[in-house]
Amino acid sequence: MKNLPFVVFVCLLLSCSKEDLGTVNAYLGQEIKLKEGQAALYKNTGFDAAAIVKLKVADVSDGRCPSDVFCITYGSVEVTLTIGMANEKGETITMCQGDCDGGSRFEDEARVVVGGMPYKIRLLAVMPLPSLKDESSKTKEIQLVLERG
């Protein structure tokens, strides 16, 4: 009975862990929507594609103008992705939409090589727009496409 409070504390601590968003199964050319931290597995067949490609949304940094505010500039949103073979760490790339400052990073389309095969990632949308009134706009959903490239 002395250990009961400790056991209850540990159980409560474990129940507060971050939500598991799961993994989405997808195919090349399919438009998919992923949340920050979520991944997609592309199980490919044939000689012209890597067997299993994993694409994960690692981070979203949204600096766009809130939808309920008048802004002089649109701002930008940056999405950091990791892509590689399912059992590897993968390559990290940053994509951007909006008033991106160019430079050495990718914009809304990126070309990468995974397992010796070229792929193209297109960042289609990041929703919803930020809002000062609506707190639910903090959870971002990223719409993208992975194709052979």
C-alpha atoms as a PDB file:
ATOM      1  CA  MET A   1       0.000   0.000   0.000  1.00  0.00           C
ATOM      2  CA  LYS A   2       2.956   2.347   0.536  1.00  0.00           C
ATOM      3  CA  ASN A   3       3.783   2.200  -3.177  1.00  0.00           C
ATOM      4  CA  LEU A   4       0.236   2.922  -4.352  1.00  0.00           C
ATOM      5  CA  PRO A   5       0.694   6.731  -4.615  1.00  0.00           C
ATOM      6  CA  PHE A   6       3.909   6.208  -6.582  1.00  0.00           C
ATOM      7  CA  VAL A   7       2.205   3.757  -8.989  1.00  0.00           C
ATOM      8  CA  VAL A   8      -0.702   6.173  -9.498  1.00  0.00           C
ATOM      9  CA  PHE A   9       1.740   9.036 -10.141  1.00  0.00           C
ATOM     10  CA  VAL A  10       3.666   7.025 -12.754  1.00  0.00           C
ATOM     11  CA  CYS A  11       0.422   6.001 -14.500  1.00  0.00           C
ATOM     12  CA  LEU A  12      -0.733   9.619 -14.637  1.00  0.00           C
ATOM     13  CA  LEU A  13       2.640  10.744 -15.949  1.00  0.00           C
ATOM     14  CA  LEU A  14       2.569   8.163 -18.744  1.00  0.00           C
ATOM     15  CA  SER A  15      -0.977   9.118 -19.727  1.00  0.00           C
ATOM     16  CA  CYS A  16       0.178  12.717 -20.333  1.00  0.00           C
ATOM     17  CA  SER A  17       2.558  11.733 -23.123  1.00  0.00           C
ATOM     18  CA  LYS A  18       2.258  13.438 -26.514  1.00  0.00           C
ATOM     19  CA  GLU A  19      -0.525  12.184 -28.761  1.00  0.00           C
ATOM     20  CA  ASP A  20       0.502   9.533 -31.281  1.00  0.00           C
ATOM     21  CA  LEU A  21      -0.619  10.815 -34.663  1.00  0.00           C
ATOM     22  CA  GLY A  22       0.053   7.531 -36.411  1.00  0.00           C
ATOM     23  CA  THR A  23       1.394   6.928 -39.875  1.00  0.00           C
ATOM     24  CA  VAL A  24      -0.500   7.429 -43.116  1.00  0.00           C
ATOM     25  CA  ASN A  25      -0.094   4.924 -45.947  1.00  0.00           C
ATOM     26  CA  ALA A  26       0.158   6.667 -49.302  1.00  0.00           C
ATOM     27  CA  TYR A  27       1.143   6.128 -52.911  1.00  0.00           C
ATOM     28  CA  LEU A  28       3.241   8.270 -55.251  1.00  0.00           C
ATOM     29  CA  GLY A  29       1.307  11.140 -56.809  1.00  0.00           C
ATOM     30  CA  GLN A  30      -1.386  11.119 -54.118  1.00  0.00           C
ATOM     31  CA  GLU A  31      -2.255  14.420 -52.401  1.00  0.00           C
ATOM     32  CA  ILE A  32      -2.046  13.794 -48.660  1.00  0.00           C
ATOM     33  CA  LYS A  33      -2.582  15.826 -45.497  1.00  0.00           C
ATOM     34  CA  LEU A  34      -0.265  15.430 -42.523  1.00  0.00           C
ATOM     35  CA  LYS A  35      -0.120  17.151 -39.163  1.00  0.00           C
ATOM     36  CA  GLU A  36       3.094  18.247 -37.475  1.00  0.00           C
ATOM     37  CA  GLY A  37       4.871  15.125 -36.202  1.00  0.00           C
ATOM     38  CA  GLN A  38       2.930  12.797 -38.498  1.00  0.00           C
ATOM     39  CA  ALA A  39       4.548  10.644 -41.197  1.00  0.00           C
ATOM     40  CA  ALA A  40       3.541   8.983 -44.447  1.00  0.00           C
ATOM     41  CA  LEU A  41       4.874   5.661 -45.740  1.00  0.00           C
ATOM     42  CA  TYR A  42       5.040   5.200 -49.488  1.00  0.00           C
ATOM     43  CA  LYS A  43       5.215   1.494 -50.330  1.00  0.00           C
ATOM     44  CA  ASN A  44       6.411   1.390 -53.911  1.00  0.00           C
ATOM     45  CA  THR A  45       6.704  -1.431 -56.390  1.00  0.00           C
ATOM     46  CA  GLY A  46       8.765  -1.703 -59.532  1.00  0.00           C
ATOM     47  CA  PHE A  47      12.342  -0.948 -60.421  1.00  0.00           C
ATOM     48  CA  ASP A  48      11.936   2.816 -60.707  1.00  0.00           C
ATOM     49  CA  ALA A  49      11.265   3.582 -57.012  1.00  0.00           C
ATOM     50  CA  ALA A  50      12.752   2.919 -53.588  1.00  0.00           C
ATOM     51  CA  ALA A  51      10.887   0.131 -51.756  1.00  0.00           C
ATOM     52  CA  ILE A  52       9.548   2.152 -48.794  1.00  0.00           C
ATOM     53  CA  VAL A  53       9.930   5.916 -48.496  1.00  0.00           C
ATOM     54  CA  LYS A  54       9.086   7.708 -45.251  1.00  0.00           C
ATOM     55  CA  LEU A  55       8.117  11.377 -45.327  1.00  0.00           C
ATOM     56  CA  LYS A  56       7.597  13.131 -41.981  1.00  0.00           C
ATOM     57  CA  VAL A  57       6.529  16.652 -41.022  1.00  0.00           C
ATOM     58  CA  ALA A  58       9.149  17.570 -38.432  1.00  0.00           C
ATOM     59  CA  ASP A  59       8.226  21.212 -37.786  1.00  0.00           C
ATOM     60  CA  VAL A  60       5.943  24.033 -38.946  1.00  0.00           C
ATOM     61  CA  SER A  61       6.858  27.679 -38.394  1.00  0.00           C
ATOM     62  CA  ASP A  62       3.955  29.924 -39.375  1.00  0.00           C
ATOM     63  CA  GLY A  63       4.660  33.624 -39.750  1.00  0.00           C
ATOM     64  CA  ARG A  64       1.792  34.416 -42.115  1.00  0.00           C
ATOM     65  CA  CYS A  65      -0.560  37.307 -41.516  1.00  0.00           C
ATOM     66  CA  PRO A  66      -3.481  36.214 -39.300  1.00  0.00           C
ATOM     67  CA  SER A  67      -6.782  35.916 -41.167  1.00  0.00           C
ATOM     68  CA  ASP A  68      -8.502  38.358 -38.804  1.00  0.00           C
ATOM     69  CA  VAL A  69      -5.872  41.125 -39.149  1.00  0.00           C
ATOM     70  CA  PHE A  70      -4.968  43.542 -41.959  1.00  0.00           C
ATOM     71  CA  CYS A  71      -1.273  43.217 -42.839  1.00  0.00           C
ATOM     72  CA  ILE A  72       0.975  45.024 -45.293  1.00  0.00           C
ATOM     73  CA  THR A  73       2.815  41.795 -46.183  1.00  0.00           C
ATOM     74  CA  TYR A  74       1.554  38.220 -46.372  1.00  0.00           C
ATOM     75  CA  GLY A  75       4.349  36.671 -44.339  1.00  0.00           C
ATOM     76  CA  SER A  76       5.490  33.094 -44.818  1.00  0.00           C
ATOM     77  CA  VAL A  77       5.150  29.589 -43.490  1.00  0.00           C
ATOM     78  CA  GLU A  78       8.086  27.173 -43.343  1.00  0.00           C
ATOM     79  CA  VAL A  79       7.646  23.404 -43.211  1.00  0.00           C
ATOM     80  CA  THR A  80      10.568  21.189 -42.219  1.00  0.00           C
ATOM     81  CA  LEU A  81      10.330  17.639 -43.583  1.00  0.00           C
ATOM     82  CA  THR A  82      12.470  14.541 -43.244  1.00  0.00           C
ATOM     83  CA  ILE A  83      12.513  12.051 -46.094  1.00  0.00           C
ATOM     84  CA  GLY A  84      14.384   8.793 -46.507  1.00  0.00           C
ATOM     85  CA  MET A  85      14.102   5.034 -46.583  1.00  0.00           C
ATOM     86  CA  ALA A  86      11.743   3.766 -43.876  1.00  0.00           C
ATOM     87  CA  ASN A  87      14.573   2.403 -41.705  1.00  0.00           C
ATOM     88  CA  GLU A  88      16.912   5.418 -42.080  1.00  0.00           C
ATOM     89  CA  LYS A  89      17.052   8.831 -40.418  1.00  0.00           C
ATOM     90  CA  GLY A  90      16.630  10.563 -43.769  1.00  0.00           C
ATOM     91  CA  GLU A  91      17.427  13.980 -45.172  1.00  0.00           C
ATOM     92  CA  THR A  92      15.971  17.167 -43.689  1.00  0.00           C
ATOM     93  CA  ILE A  93      14.626  19.839 -46.021  1.00  0.00           C
ATOM     94  CA  THR A  94      12.816  23.113 -45.395  1.00  0.00           C
ATOM     95  CA  MET A  95      10.097  24.280 -47.748  1.00  0.00           C
ATOM     96  CA  CYS A  96       8.395  27.662 -47.740  1.00  0.00           C
ATOM     97  CA  GLN A  97       5.228  29.372 -48.971  1.00  0.00           C
ATOM     98  CA  GLY A  98       4.524  33.089 -48.994  1.00  0.00           C
ATOM     99  CA  ASP A  99       7.086  35.881 -48.740  1.00  0.00           C
ATOM    100  CA  CYS A 100      10.114  33.581 -48.646  1.00  0.00           C
ATOM    101  CA  ASP A 101      13.541  35.188 -48.661  1.00  0.00           C
ATOM    102  CA  GLY A 102      15.017  32.745 -51.184  1.00  0.00           C
ATOM    103  CA  GLY A 103      18.610  31.924 -50.428  1.00  0.00           C
ATOM    104  CA  SER A 104      19.920  28.397 -50.119  1.00  0.00           C
ATOM    105  CA  ARG A 105      16.737  26.634 -49.050  1.00  0.00           C
ATOM    106  CA  PHE A 106      13.950  25.112 -51.110  1.00  0.00           C
ATOM    107  CA  GLU A 107      10.691  26.953 -51.750  1.00  0.00           C
ATOM    108  CA  ASP A 108       7.383  25.104 -52.337  1.00  0.00           C
ATOM    109  CA  GLU A 109       8.930  22.387 -54.532  1.00  0.00           C
ATOM    110  CA  ALA A 110      11.951  20.240 -53.695  1.00  0.00           C
ATOM    111  CA  ARG A 111      13.853  17.488 -55.440  1.00  0.00           C
ATOM    112  CA  VAL A 112      15.546  14.792 -53.358  1.00  0.00           C
ATOM    113  CA  VAL A 113      17.215  11.434 -53.941  1.00  0.00           C
ATOM    114  CA  VAL A 114      16.085   8.497 -51.790  1.00  0.00           C
ATOM    115  CA  GLY A 115      17.553   5.031 -52.240  1.00  0.00           C
ATOM    116  CA  GLY A 116      19.252   6.201 -55.434  1.00  0.00           C
ATOM    117  CA  MET A 117      15.945   7.323 -56.970  1.00  0.00           C
ATOM    118  CA  PRO A 118      14.926  10.961 -57.618  1.00  0.00           C
ATOM    119  CA  TYR A 119      11.698  12.294 -56.074  1.00  0.00           C
ATOM    120  CA  LYS A 120       9.870  15.603 -56.146  1.00  0.00           C
ATOM    121  CA  ILE A 121       7.924  16.998 -53.172  1.00  0.00           C
ATOM    122  CA  ARG A 122       5.331  19.702 -53.801  1.00  0.00           C
ATOM    123  CA  LEU A 123       4.044  21.707 -50.827  1.00  0.00           C
ATOM    124  CA  LEU A 124       0.459  22.563 -51.783  1.00  0.00           C
ATOM    125  CA  ALA A 125      -0.983  24.220 -48.671  1.00  0.00           C
ATOM    126  CA  VAL A 126      -0.634  24.765 -44.945  1.00  0.00           C
ATOM    127  CA  MET A 127      -3.971  25.242 -43.223  1.00  0.00           C
ATOM    128  CA  PRO A 128      -5.499  26.948 -41.403  1.00  0.00           C
ATOM    129  CA  LEU A 129      -4.194  30.498 -41.564  1.00  0.00           C
ATOM    130  CA  PRO A 130      -3.165  31.899 -38.198  1.00  0.00           C
ATOM    131  CA  SER A 131      -5.875  33.703 -36.242  1.00  0.00           C
ATOM    132  CA  LEU A 132      -5.705  35.943 -33.201  1.00  0.00           C
ATOM    133  CA  LYS A 133      -9.181  34.878 -32.058  1.00  0.00           C
ATOM    134  CA  ASP A 134      -9.199  31.157 -32.888  1.00  0.00           C
ATOM    135  CA  GLU A 135      -6.716  29.087 -30.860  1.00  0.00           C
ATOM    136  CA  SER A 136      -7.461  25.949 -32.917  1.00  0.00           C
ATOM    137  CA  SER A 137      -5.505  27.482 -35.808  1.00  0.00           C
ATOM    138  CA  LYS A 138      -2.294  26.498 -33.982  1.00  0.00           C
ATOM    139  CA  THR A 139      -2.597  22.862 -35.152  1.00  0.00           C
ATOM    140  CA  LYS A 140      -1.397  22.929 -38.738  1.00  0.00           C
ATOM    141  CA  GLU A 141      -2.292  20.500 -41.496  1.00  0.00           C
ATOM    142  CA  ILE A 142       0.147  20.243 -44.380  1.00  0.00           C
ATOM    143  CA  GLN A 143      -1.050  19.236 -47.851  1.00  0.00           C
ATOM    144  CA  LEU A 144       1.631  17.840 -50.125  1.00  0.00           C
ATOM    145  CA  VAL A 145       2.446  15.420 -52.942  1.00  0.00           C
ATOM    146  CA  LEU A 146       5.422  13.079 -53.369  1.00  0.00           C
ATOM    147  CA  GLU A 147       6.153  12.079 -56.975  1.00  0.00           C
ATOM    148  CA  ARG A 148       8.935  10.467 -58.934  1.00  0.00           C
ATOM    149  CA  GLY A 149      11.065  13.265 -60.240  1.00  0.00           C
END
